[in-house]
C-alpha atoms as a PDB file:
ATOM      1  CA  MET A   1      87.482 123.090 124.507  1.00  0.00           C
ATOM      2  CA  GLU A   2      86.963 119.315 124.475  1.00  0.00           C
ATOM      3  CA  ASP A   3      90.471 118.833 122.703  1.00  0.00           C
ATOM      4  CA  LEU A   4      92.285 120.649 125.575  1.00  0.00           C
ATOM      5  CA  LEU A   5      93.653 118.556 128.322  1.00  0.00           C
ATOM      6  CA  PHE A   6      95.081 120.614 131.587  1.00  0.00           C
ATOM      7  CA  THR A   7      97.521 119.114 133.850  1.00  0.00           C
ATOM      8  CA  PRO A   8      99.417 121.022 136.690  1.00  0.00           C
ATOM      9  CA  ASP A   9     102.169 122.101 134.521  1.00  0.00           C
ATOM     10  CA  ARG A  10     100.942 122.151 130.916  1.00  0.00           C
ATOM     11  CA  MET A  11      98.045 122.231 128.546  1.00  0.00           C
ATOM     12  CA  TRP A  12      97.755 119.345 125.825  1.00  0.00           C
ATOM     13  CA  VAL A  13      95.901 119.635 122.560  1.00  0.00           C
ATOM     14  CA  ILE A  14      94.425 116.151 121.579  1.00  0.00           C
ATOM     15  CA  ASP A  15      92.431 115.305 118.250  1.00  0.00           C
ATOM     16  CA  TRP A  16      90.512 112.670 120.066  1.00  0.00           C
ATOM     17  CA  PRO A  17      88.763 111.401 116.879  1.00  0.00           C
ATOM     18  CA  HIS A  18      92.178 110.854 115.338  1.00  0.00           C
ATOM     19  CA  THR A  19      94.410 109.765 118.384  1.00  0.00           C
ATOM     20  CA  ALA A  20      97.249 107.362 117.535  1.00  0.00           C
ATOM     21  CA  THR A  21     100.784 106.188 118.518  1.00  0.00           C
ATOM     22  CA  GLY A  22     103.922 107.264 116.523  1.00  0.00           C
ATOM     23  CA  ALA A  23     106.664 109.250 116.301  1.00  0.00           C
ATOM     24  CA  PRO A  24     106.099 112.124 118.810  1.00  0.00           C
ATOM     25  CA  CYS A  25     107.242 114.876 116.322  1.00  0.00           C
ATOM     26  CA  MET A  26     104.650 113.698 113.514  1.00  0.00           C
ATOM     27  CA  ARG A  27     101.807 115.612 114.819  1.00  0.00           C
ATOM     28  CA  LEU A  28     103.647 118.945 114.909  1.00  0.00           C
ATOM     29  CA  LEU A  29     105.100 118.193 111.721  1.00  0.00           C
ATOM     30  CA  LEU A  30     101.964 117.668 110.008  1.00  0.00           C
ATOM     31  CA  LEU A  31     100.622 121.080 111.721  1.00  0.00           C
ATOM     32  CA  LEU A  32     103.505 123.242 110.516  1.00  0.00           C
ATOM     33  CA  PRO A  33     102.288 124.025 106.838  1.00  0.00           C
ATOM     34  CA  SER A  34      99.012 125.432 108.631  1.00  0.00           C
ATOM     35  CA  VAL A  35     101.120 127.428 111.169  1.00  0.00           C
ATOM     36  CA  ALA A  36     103.100 128.692 107.967  1.00  0.00           C
ATOM     37  CA  ALA A  37      99.903 129.482 105.963  1.00  0.00           C
ATOM     38  CA  GLY A  38      98.720 131.722 108.870  1.00  0.00           C
ATOM     39  CA  GLY A  39     102.128 133.644 108.578  1.00  0.00           C
ATOM     40  CA  VAL A  40     104.010 132.125 111.499  1.00  0.00           C
ATOM     41  CA  ASP A  41     107.597 131.069 111.184  1.00  0.00           C
ATOM     42  CA  PRO A  42     107.436 127.441 111.789  1.00  0.00           C
ATOM     43  CA  GLU A  43     111.210 126.930 112.405  1.00  0.00           C
ATOM     44  CA  PRO A  44     111.199 128.125 116.064  1.00  0.00           C
ATOM     45  CA  LEU A  45     108.180 125.889 116.879  1.00  0.00           C
ATOM     46  CA  TRP A  46     109.882 122.934 115.317  1.00  0.00           C
ATOM     47  CA  ARG A  47     113.500 123.462 116.924  1.00  0.00           C
ATOM     48  CA  GLY A  48     111.491 124.011 120.530  1.00  0.00           C
ATOM     49  CA  HIS A  49     109.659 120.972 120.308  1.00  0.00           C
ATOM     50  CA  GLY A  50     111.844 118.192 121.974  1.00  0.00           C
ATOM     51  CA  PRO A  51     110.894 115.245 120.067  1.00  0.00           C
ATOM     52  CA  ALA A  52     111.786 117.246 116.760  1.00  0.00           C
ATOM     53  CA  ASN A  53     115.295 117.284 117.914  1.00  0.00           C
ATOM     54  CA  GLU A  54     115.493 113.783 118.008  1.00  0.00           C
ATOM     55  CA  ALA A  55     114.218 113.413 114.278  1.00  0.00           C
ATOM     56  CA  ASP A  56     116.664 112.753 111.235  1.00  0.00           C
ATOM     57  CA  THR A  57     116.585 116.146 109.791  1.00  0.00           C
ATOM     58  CA  ALA A  58     117.517 114.814 106.250  1.00  0.00           C
ATOM     59  CA  SER A  59     114.096 112.763 106.492  1.00  0.00           C
ATOM     60  CA  VAL A  60     111.794 115.885 107.478  1.00  0.00           C
END
């Protein structure tokens, strides 16, 4: 539970030992192979993530 941060309107998952700044979509992008390996289609998660819509699709 130490990696979960709750606010009144959402929940954040924070990897405290590896916090960094960068492109907002990178953490999700790096997590999606694990999501796919677990049998979940990563495409809807990616498309539902606001910052992902700003990413250059050809680069991803």
